[in-house]
Amino acid sequence: MEPTLKAKSLKDFEDVKNASLGFRANLFYDYYLQNTRKKHSNYRIISKNGSGAKITVIDPYSKKEIVCISFVSNDYLGFTKHHKVINAGKDALDKFGSGSGSSPLIGGYNSLHDELEKKIARFFKKEDSITYTSGYAANTGTIMALLKNQDLAILDMGVHASVLEGCALTNKKFFLHNDVSSLEQVLNQTKGKFRNTAIIIDGVYSQDGDIAPIQEIVSLAKEYNAFLIVDDAHGVGVVGNKGKGVLEMYNLYDEVDMITGTFSKTFATVGGYVAANKKIITLLKYFAYSNIFSAAATPQAVSCAIKAIDLLDEEPEWHQKLKENIKYFRNGLDTIGIDYGNTESAIFPIMIRDEEKTKIAGRLLFVNGIYANPILYPAVSRKQTRIRMSVLATHTKIMLDESLNTLEDILKKVDVL
């Protein structure tokens, strides 16, 4: 007999006990239709002109085009539309063609890949680096290659899903988010019980926008002889004097063993990277399955990333504009009295703390021309639901003012203000 399910969230469909694949799909489709009827499904909305501060999208319910001020993109410096980045991609297409044809290990590795890996290594002041076709693949492939069943990964509770999946072959324990005392307790309890211990954290956390207490974590890693991995996907381009992330912010280039990240945010294309010492990177180039069994990144993607990295130094005004916009938006939220948690970055979690109100607020913002993502359980706890907004360098003050005014009106309508 197939099970019945009274579903409350996406979490309920991750693994439905005793359900066949077809029945599980049917259950989820009914849930999807229920949310669609309520106009609560704010996912997979079609954009007509890519990412940016203002974009045209298709309303999934009315099917009409809507011009929105967008806060859903992680293109923090607006480089996806920068003419130099676009031209770099075009040049690569003309010279190398549209694809790499093979994996990096057996023929797909060209001079652009080599240039990009050298550039990433220099960027983070590391000996070497390896690139992947996504940031997700960078984390999963790297951790799976390095940590096995005699090892231990100690994770901040806020790390990305790619880190969790990467730990499938090893032991893992969690410490409370950004809680150094909790981390030390786990380190103390597990000391000497595993072959290798790795601490894995984010630099800037993707949901809360807060920054890891990385200096204290570095000290603990040294004390307990743990390998420290920092995923700074949301820090690069945003924090640090020159926008080079948390390692620059705290001058910890030599103290962090490994840095991981993505080209899909500040660097305006797609792909991921890992930078560390040469011996570790060499190991990964032969044992990270998501690298050696995937076709190498397309020439266009690689060339765009190379140019975007250069632009961070060549045109520092974009990083400066982002910092100004972050400060302006933060001041506006403070004036209204909106709760945005503990963010220290371009990510602003507008705290609703009620699932139904979060869904309604997300839809009302959308139909009023503000595109921002409702973040619900299980991505966050039910008491931490929020509207996630990412500020970009390309937002104008007029856009930010309009968004703040609309946000205030909507939050009052749903009884949050």
Protein backbone atom coordinates (compact mmCIF):
# COMPACT_ATOMS: atom_id res chain seq x y z
CA MET A 1 0.00 0.00 0.00
CA GLU A 2 1.32 3.45 -0.93
CA PRO A 3 1.68 5.94 1.94
CA THR A 4 -0.35 9.09 2.39
CA LEU A 5 1.29 12.39 3.15
CA LYS A 6 0.04 15.67 4.55
CA ALA A 7 2.88 17.83 3.29
CA LYS A 8 3.90 21.13 4.85
CA SER A 9 7.14 21.90 3.04
CA LEU A 10 9.60 20.71 0.40
CA LYS A 11 11.37 18.80 3.16
CA ASP A 12 8.52 16.31 3.26
CA PHE A 13 9.38 15.09 -0.24
CA GLU A 14 13.10 14.49 0.19
CA ASP A 15 12.48 10.86 1.15
CA VAL A 16 8.91 9.60 1.42
CA LYS A 17 8.91 6.35 3.39
CA ASN A 18 7.65 3.28 1.48
CA ALA A 19 6.71 5.39 -1.56
CA SER A 20 7.56 4.31 -5.08
CA LEU A 21 9.31 6.90 -7.24
CA GLY A 22 6.17 7.48 -9.28
CA PHE A 23 3.96 7.90 -6.21
CA ARG A 24 6.44 10.29 -4.62
CA ALA A 25 6.45 12.36 -7.83
CA ASN A 26 2.62 12.40 -7.84
CA LEU A 27 2.52 13.55 -4.23
CA PHE A 28 4.95 16.34 -4.93
CA TYR A 29 3.12 17.41 -8.07
CA ASP A 30 -0.11 17.77 -6.08
CA TYR A 31 1.77 19.90 -3.54
CA TYR A 32 3.27 21.98 -6.36
CA LEU A 33 -0.18 22.59 -7.89
CA GLN A 34 -1.57 23.57 -4.50
CA ASN A 35 1.13 26.22 -4.09
CA THR A 36 0.64 27.36 -7.67
CA ARG A 37 -3.09 27.90 -7.08
CA LYS A 38 -2.23 30.07 -4.08
CA LYS A 39 0.38 31.92 -6.18
CA HIS A 40 3.01 30.89 -3.64
CA SER A 41 5.44 29.30 -6.09
CA ASN A 42 8.07 31.97 -6.70
CA TYR A 43 10.62 29.68 -8.34
CA ARG A 44 12.02 29.21 -11.85
CA ILE A 45 10.65 32.56 -13.04
CA ILE A 46 11.72 33.23 -16.62
CA SER A 47 13.92 36.26 -17.26
CA LYS A 48 13.87 37.83 -20.71
CA ASN A 49 17.21 39.65 -20.49
CA GLY A 50 19.48 37.90 -17.99
CA SER A 51 20.64 39.17 -14.63
CA GLY A 52 20.90 42.79 -13.62
CA ALA A 53 19.57 45.51 -11.37
CA LYS A 54 16.41 45.89 -13.48
CA ILE A 55 15.15 42.97 -15.54
CA THR A 56 12.12 41.85 -17.51
CA VAL A 57 10.49 38.65 -16.30
CA ILE A 58 7.37 36.64 -17.12
CA ASP A 59 4.82 36.46 -14.32
CA PRO A 60 4.22 32.69 -13.93
CA TYR A 61 0.52 33.29 -13.23
CA SER A 62 -0.62 36.11 -15.54
CA LYS A 63 2.00 35.16 -18.18
CA LYS A 64 2.58 38.88 -18.71
CA GLU A 65 5.96 40.56 -18.86
CA ILE A 66 6.89 42.59 -15.78
CA VAL A 67 9.83 44.96 -15.43
CA CYS A 68 11.27 44.44 -11.94
CA ILE A 69 13.99 45.87 -9.79
CA SER A 70 15.91 42.69 -9.12
CA PHE A 71 17.44 41.58 -5.83
CA VAL A 72 17.79 37.90 -6.79
CA SER A 73 21.13 38.06 -8.61
CA ASN A 74 24.58 37.45 -7.12
CA ASP A 75 26.22 39.37 -9.96
CA TYR A 76 27.44 41.80 -7.30
CA LEU A 77 29.50 44.12 -9.51
CA GLY A 78 27.33 43.86 -12.61
CA PHE A 79 30.10 42.28 -14.66
CA THR A 80 27.79 39.89 -16.55
CA LYS A 81 26.78 42.86 -18.71
CA HIS A 82 30.19 44.59 -18.78
CA HIS A 83 31.26 45.06 -22.38
CA LYS A 84 34.85 43.94 -21.70
CA VAL A 85 33.67 40.68 -20.17
CA ILE A 86 31.25 40.06 -23.04
CA ASN A 87 33.94 40.80 -25.65
CA ALA A 88 36.36 38.44 -23.91
CA GLY A 89 33.78 35.69 -24.21
CA LYS A 90 33.20 36.44 -27.90
CA ASP A 91 36.92 36.38 -28.63
CA ALA A 92 37.26 33.00 -26.92
CA LEU A 93 34.38 31.57 -28.95
CA ASP A 94 36.04 32.73 -32.18
CA LYS A 95 39.43 31.26 -31.24
CA PHE A 96 38.57 28.08 -29.31
CA GLY A 97 35.01 27.24 -30.39
CA SER A 98 31.97 26.61 -28.22
CA GLY A 99 33.17 23.70 -26.09
CA SER A 100 36.25 22.04 -24.65
CA GLY A 101 35.50 18.58 -26.01
CA SER A 102 36.81 16.54 -23.11
CA SER A 103 37.68 16.53 -19.43
CA PRO A 104 40.70 18.55 -18.22
CA LEU A 105 42.68 15.36 -17.59
CA ILE A 106 42.42 13.85 -21.07
CA GLY A 107 42.43 16.59 -23.68
CA GLY A 108 39.97 19.31 -22.71
CA TYR A 109 42.50 21.55 -20.95
CA ASN A 110 43.52 24.55 -23.04
CA SER A 111 45.67 27.65 -22.51
CA LEU A 112 42.69 29.61 -21.12
CA HIS A 113 42.13 27.05 -18.35
CA ASP A 114 45.82 27.23 -17.49
CA GLU A 115 45.74 31.03 -17.40
CA LEU A 116 42.66 31.10 -15.20
CA GLU A 117 44.07 28.63 -12.67
CA LYS A 118 47.30 30.59 -12.41
CA LYS A 119 45.33 33.81 -11.98
CA ILE A 120 43.16 32.38 -9.19
CA ALA A 121 46.24 31.10 -7.38
CA ARG A 122 47.83 34.58 -7.52
CA PHE A 123 44.55 36.22 -6.49
CA PHE A 124 44.50 34.27 -3.21
CA LYS A 125 48.31 34.15 -2.80
CA LYS A 126 48.35 30.37 -3.01
CA GLU A 127 50.76 28.06 -4.85
CA ASP A 128 48.21 26.55 -7.21
CA SER A 129 44.53 26.17 -8.02
CA ILE A 130 42.09 23.90 -9.79
CA THR A 131 38.88 24.93 -11.56
CA TYR A 132 35.56 23.13 -11.93
CA THR A 133 32.43 23.66 -14.02
CA SER A 134 30.45 24.95 -11.01
CA GLY A 135 31.04 26.15 -7.48
CA TYR A 136 28.90 23.23 -6.31
CA ALA A 137 31.19 20.78 -8.10
CA ALA A 138 34.23 22.49 -6.61
CA ASN A 139 33.05 21.81 -3.07
CA THR A 140 31.65 18.33 -3.59
CA GLY A 141 34.53 17.03 -5.68
CA THR A 142 37.23 18.52 -3.47
CA ILE A 143 35.86 17.32 -0.14
CA MET A 144 35.06 13.84 -1.46
CA ALA A 145 38.61 13.52 -2.79
CA LEU A 146 40.26 14.63 0.44
CA LEU A 147 38.13 13.25 3.29
CA LYS A 148 37.31 9.55 3.65
CA ASN A 149 35.85 7.24 6.27
CA GLN A 150 38.74 7.63 8.71
CA ASP A 151 38.53 11.41 8.61
CA LEU A 152 36.26 14.07 10.13
CA ALA A 153 34.70 17.23 8.73
CA ILE A 154 33.56 19.78 11.33
CA LEU A 155 31.01 22.09 9.74
CA ASP A 156 29.37 25.35 10.66
CA MET A 157 25.61 24.75 10.61
CA GLY A 158 25.25 27.43 7.94
CA VAL A 159 27.47 25.92 5.24
CA HIS A 160 26.20 25.42 1.71
CA ALA A 161 24.46 22.24 0.52
CA SER A 162 27.45 21.47 -1.69
CA VAL A 163 29.62 21.09 1.41
CA LEU A 164 27.10 18.73 2.99
CA GLU A 165 27.02 16.58 -0.13
CA GLY A 166 30.80 16.66 -0.30
CA CYS A 167 30.94 15.03 3.13
CA ALA A 168 29.03 11.93 1.99
CA LEU A 169 32.16 9.75 2.22
CA THR A 170 33.43 11.01 5.56
CA ASN A 171 32.33 11.57 9.14
CA LYS A 172 30.86 14.93 10.00
CA LYS A 173 29.93 16.95 13.04
CA PHE A 174 28.40 20.41 13.29
CA PHE A 175 29.03 23.42 15.49
CA LEU A 176 26.56 26.22 16.16
CA HIS A 177 26.64 28.97 13.55
CA ASN A 178 29.61 31.32 14.06
CA ASP A 179 29.99 30.02 17.62
CA VAL A 180 33.69 29.60 18.38
CA SER A 181 33.01 27.99 21.78
CA SER A 182 30.82 25.37 20.12
CA LEU A 183 33.56 24.66 17.57
CA GLU A 184 36.18 24.26 20.29
CA GLN A 185 33.92 21.86 22.16
CA VAL A 186 33.61 19.64 19.07
CA LEU A 187 37.36 19.81 18.44
CA ASN A 188 38.07 18.84 22.03
CA GLN A 189 35.59 15.94 21.98
CA THR A 190 37.01 14.49 18.75
CA LYS A 191 40.72 15.14 19.32
CA GLY A 192 42.85 12.14 18.37
CA LYS A 193 39.89 10.04 17.19
CA PHE A 194 40.27 10.57 13.43
CA ARG A 195 43.08 10.39 10.90
CA ASN A 196 42.50 13.92 9.60
CA THR A 197 40.22 16.71 10.80
CA ALA A 198 38.98 19.53 8.56
CA ILE A 199 37.05 22.59 9.65
CA ILE A 200 34.81 23.86 6.84
CA ILE A 201 33.18 27.29 6.99
CA ASP A 202 31.92 30.05 4.72
CA GLY A 203 33.58 33.43 4.65
CA VAL A 204 30.26 35.20 4.08
CA TYR A 205 27.15 33.09 4.69
CA SER A 206 24.66 32.94 1.84
CA GLN A 207 21.43 33.21 3.83
CA ASP A 208 22.33 35.55 6.69
CA GLY A 209 25.05 37.59 4.99
CA ASP A 210 27.18 37.52 8.15
CA ILE A 211 30.92 36.91 8.26
CA ALA A 212 32.66 34.02 10.00
CA PRO A 213 34.83 34.83 13.06
CA ILE A 214 37.68 33.61 10.95
CA GLN A 215 40.60 34.87 13.06
CA GLU A 216 39.44 32.87 16.08
CA ILE A 217 38.75 29.83 13.90
CA VAL A 218 42.26 30.03 12.41
CA SER A 219 43.68 29.96 15.94
CA LEU A 220 41.64 26.88 16.86
CA ALA A 221 42.61 25.12 13.63
CA LYS A 222 46.27 25.60 14.50
CA GLU A 223 45.80 24.51 18.10
CA TYR A 224 44.03 21.29 17.13
CA ASN A 225 46.03 20.63 13.94
CA ALA A 226 42.92 20.86 11.76
CA PHE A 227 42.88 21.65 8.04
CA LEU A 228 40.86 24.83 7.44
CA ILE A 229 38.70 25.21 4.31
CA VAL A 230 36.88 28.50 3.65
CA ASP A 231 34.19 28.86 0.97
CA ASP A 232 34.12 32.58 0.18
CA ALA A 233 31.70 32.54 -2.75
CA HIS A 234 29.75 35.51 -1.36
CA GLY A 235 32.73 37.43 0.03
CA VAL A 236 34.86 37.87 -3.09
CA GLY A 237 33.99 41.13 -4.83
CA VAL A 238 32.10 42.34 -1.77
CA VAL A 239 34.25 42.49 1.38
CA GLY A 240 37.89 43.46 1.83
CA ASN A 241 39.59 46.72 0.94
CA LYS A 242 39.91 45.75 -2.73
CA GLY A 243 37.02 43.30 -2.80
CA LYS A 244 39.18 40.19 -2.52
CA GLY A 245 37.12 38.60 0.24
CA VAL A 246 37.64 37.60 3.84
CA LEU A 247 41.26 36.53 3.35
CA GLU A 248 42.10 40.08 2.30
CA MET A 249 39.80 41.57 4.95
CA TYR A 250 41.73 39.88 7.76
CA ASN A 251 45.05 39.33 5.93
CA LEU A 252 44.85 35.60 6.43
CA TYR A 253 46.18 34.40 3.07
CA ASP A 254 48.87 32.31 4.75
CA GLU A 255 46.68 31.08 7.62
CA VAL A 256 43.80 29.47 5.70
CA ASP A 257 44.77 26.14 4.14
CA MET A 258 42.25 26.16 1.32
CA ILE A 259 39.88 28.68 -0.26
CA THR A 260 36.96 27.65 -2.48
CA GLY A 261 34.53 29.72 -4.48
CA THR A 262 32.60 30.29 -7.65
CA PHE A 263 32.83 32.25 -10.90
CA SER A 264 29.03 32.66 -10.98
CA LYS A 265 28.83 35.69 -8.72
CA THR A 266 31.37 38.53 -8.84
CA PHE A 267 33.24 36.85 -11.70
CA ALA A 268 30.21 36.97 -13.97
CA THR A 269 30.14 33.56 -15.58
CA VAL A 270 29.89 29.95 -14.34
CA GLY A 271 32.35 27.56 -12.70
CA GLY A 272 34.18 27.05 -9.44
CA TYR A 273 37.69 27.02 -8.04
CA VAL A 274 39.87 25.77 -5.21
CA ALA A 275 43.22 27.31 -4.25
CA ALA A 276 45.75 25.74 -1.86
CA ASN A 277 49.32 24.45 -1.79
CA LYS A 278 50.66 22.78 -4.91
CA LYS A 279 50.73 19.24 -3.54
CA ILE A 280 47.08 19.31 -2.41
CA ILE A 281 45.97 20.78 -5.75
CA THR A 282 47.96 18.17 -7.67
CA LEU A 283 46.18 15.46 -5.68
CA LEU A 284 42.82 17.00 -6.61
CA LYS A 285 43.71 17.16 -10.30
CA TYR A 286 43.86 13.34 -10.29
CA PHE A 287 41.25 12.39 -7.67
CA ALA A 288 38.47 15.01 -7.72
CA TYR A 289 35.84 13.18 -9.74
CA SER A 290 33.74 16.25 -10.54
CA ASN A 291 36.81 17.65 -12.31
CA ILE A 292 38.31 14.60 -14.00
CA PHE A 293 35.03 13.06 -15.17
CA SER A 294 33.39 16.30 -16.36
CA ALA A 295 34.09 18.12 -19.59
CA ALA A 296 36.28 21.16 -18.99
CA ALA A 297 34.58 24.55 -18.79
CA THR A 298 33.70 26.22 -22.09
CA PRO A 299 36.25 28.67 -23.50
CA GLN A 300 33.74 31.51 -23.31
CA ALA A 301 33.07 30.92 -19.61
CA VAL A 302 36.78 30.73 -18.79
CA SER A 303 37.69 33.85 -20.76
CA CYS A 304 34.87 35.85 -19.18
CA ALA A 305 36.10 34.85 -15.71
CA ILE A 306 39.68 35.90 -16.55
CA LYS A 307 38.49 39.35 -17.66
CA ALA A 308 36.20 39.77 -14.64
CA ILE A 309 39.09 39.04 -12.27
CA ASP A 310 41.16 41.68 -14.05
CA LEU A 311 38.34 44.21 -13.80
CA LEU A 312 38.30 44.00 -10.01
CA ASP A 313 41.71 45.74 -10.09
CA GLU A 314 41.33 47.71 -13.30
CA GLU A 315 38.00 49.32 -12.40
CA PRO A 316 37.79 49.57 -8.57
CA GLU A 317 34.89 51.99 -8.87
CA TRP A 318 32.47 49.06 -9.14
CA HIS A 319 33.46 47.71 -5.75
CA GLN A 320 33.27 51.20 -4.29
CA LYS A 321 29.78 51.68 -5.73
CA LEU A 322 28.67 48.38 -4.22
CA LYS A 323 29.93 49.44 -0.79
CA GLU A 324 28.04 52.74 -1.12
CA ASN A 325 24.84 50.94 -2.12
CA ILE A 326 25.13 48.49 0.77
CA LYS A 327 25.49 51.38 3.23
CA TYR A 328 22.62 53.31 1.64
CA PHE A 329 20.26 50.33 1.68
CA ARG A 330 21.21 49.45 5.26
CA ASN A 331 20.52 53.03 6.40
CA GLY A 332 17.16 52.96 4.64
CA LEU A 333 16.17 49.72 6.38
CA ASP A 334 17.27 51.15 9.73
CA THR A 335 15.17 54.28 9.17
CA ILE A 336 12.07 52.19 8.48
CA GLY A 337 12.82 49.79 11.33
CA ILE A 338 13.11 46.62 9.26
CA ASP A 339 14.87 43.61 10.78
CA TYR A 340 17.70 42.39 8.52
CA GLY A 341 19.56 40.16 10.95
CA ASN A 342 23.33 40.39 11.37
CA THR A 343 24.40 40.90 7.77
CA GLU A 344 27.80 42.42 7.02
CA SER A 345 27.66 42.00 3.25
CA ALA A 346 25.54 42.62 0.16
CA ILE A 347 23.00 40.00 1.30
CA PHE A 348 20.06 41.39 3.28
CA PRO A 349 17.74 38.85 4.92
CA ILE A 350 14.47 40.72 5.51
CA MET A 351 13.23 38.76 8.49
CA ILE A 352 9.54 37.78 8.38
CA ARG A 353 9.69 34.76 10.74
CA ASP A 354 6.39 33.33 9.49
CA GLU A 355 6.11 31.01 6.50
CA GLU A 356 2.70 32.10 5.22
CA LYS A 357 3.50 35.80 5.56
CA THR A 358 6.82 35.26 3.78
CA LYS A 359 5.06 33.65 0.81
CA ILE A 360 2.47 36.43 0.63
CA ALA A 361 5.09 39.16 0.97
CA GLY A 362 7.19 37.62 -1.79
CA ARG A 363 4.23 37.61 -4.19
CA LEU A 364 3.14 41.15 -3.29
CA LEU A 365 6.65 42.47 -3.82
CA PHE A 366 6.82 40.74 -7.19
CA VAL A 367 3.56 42.15 -8.55
CA ASN A 368 4.67 45.57 -7.35
CA GLY A 369 7.89 45.38 -9.33
CA ILE A 370 10.35 44.14 -6.71
CA TYR A 371 11.83 40.72 -7.44
CA ALA A 372 13.26 39.13 -4.27
CA ASN A 373 13.36 35.54 -3.09
CA PRO A 374 11.25 34.18 -0.22
CA ILE A 375 13.45 31.81 1.76
CA LEU A 376 11.47 29.08 3.48
CA TYR A 377 11.93 25.86 5.43
CA PRO A 378 14.01 23.70 4.97
CA ALA A 379 16.49 26.26 3.58
CA VAL A 380 16.08 28.01 6.94
CA SER A 381 14.18 27.10 10.09
CA ARG A 382 10.47 27.96 10.18
CA LYS A 383 11.14 30.74 12.69
CA GLN A 384 13.80 32.23 10.43
CA THR A 385 11.86 32.62 7.15
CA ARG A 386 12.78 35.77 5.27
CA ILE A 387 12.88 37.66 2.01
CA ARG A 388 16.46 37.50 0.74
CA MET A 389 17.69 40.60 -1.09
CA SER A 390 21.08 41.02 -2.75
CA VAL A 391 22.28 44.57 -3.37
CA LEU A 392 24.30 45.18 -6.55
CA ALA A 393 26.74 47.85 -7.65
CA THR A 394 24.41 48.55 -10.58
CA HIS A 395 21.41 49.49 -8.45
CA THR A 396 20.76 53.22 -8.59
CA LYS A 397 19.67 55.30 -5.59
CA ILE A 398 16.29 55.72 -7.30
CA MET A 399 15.91 51.94 -7.52
CA LEU A 400 16.89 51.48 -3.89
CA ASP A 401 14.50 54.21 -2.72
CA GLU A 402 11.61 52.71 -4.68
CA SER A 403 12.40 49.28 -3.27
CA LEU A 404 12.58 50.55 0.31
CA ASN A 405 9.22 52.33 -0.04
CA THR A 406 7.56 49.26 -1.55
CA LEU A 407 9.10 46.98 1.03
CA GLU A 408 7.78 49.16 3.86
CA ASP A 409 4.26 49.12 2.39
CA ILE A 410 4.23 45.34 1.89
CA LEU A 411 5.59 44.55 5.35
CA LYS A 412 2.85 46.68 6.85
CA LYS A 413 0.23 44.82 4.80
CA VAL A 414 1.41 41.44 6.10
CA ASP A 415 1.63 42.72 9.69
CA VAL A 416 5.38 42.56 10.06
CA LEU A 417 5.89 46.29 10.63
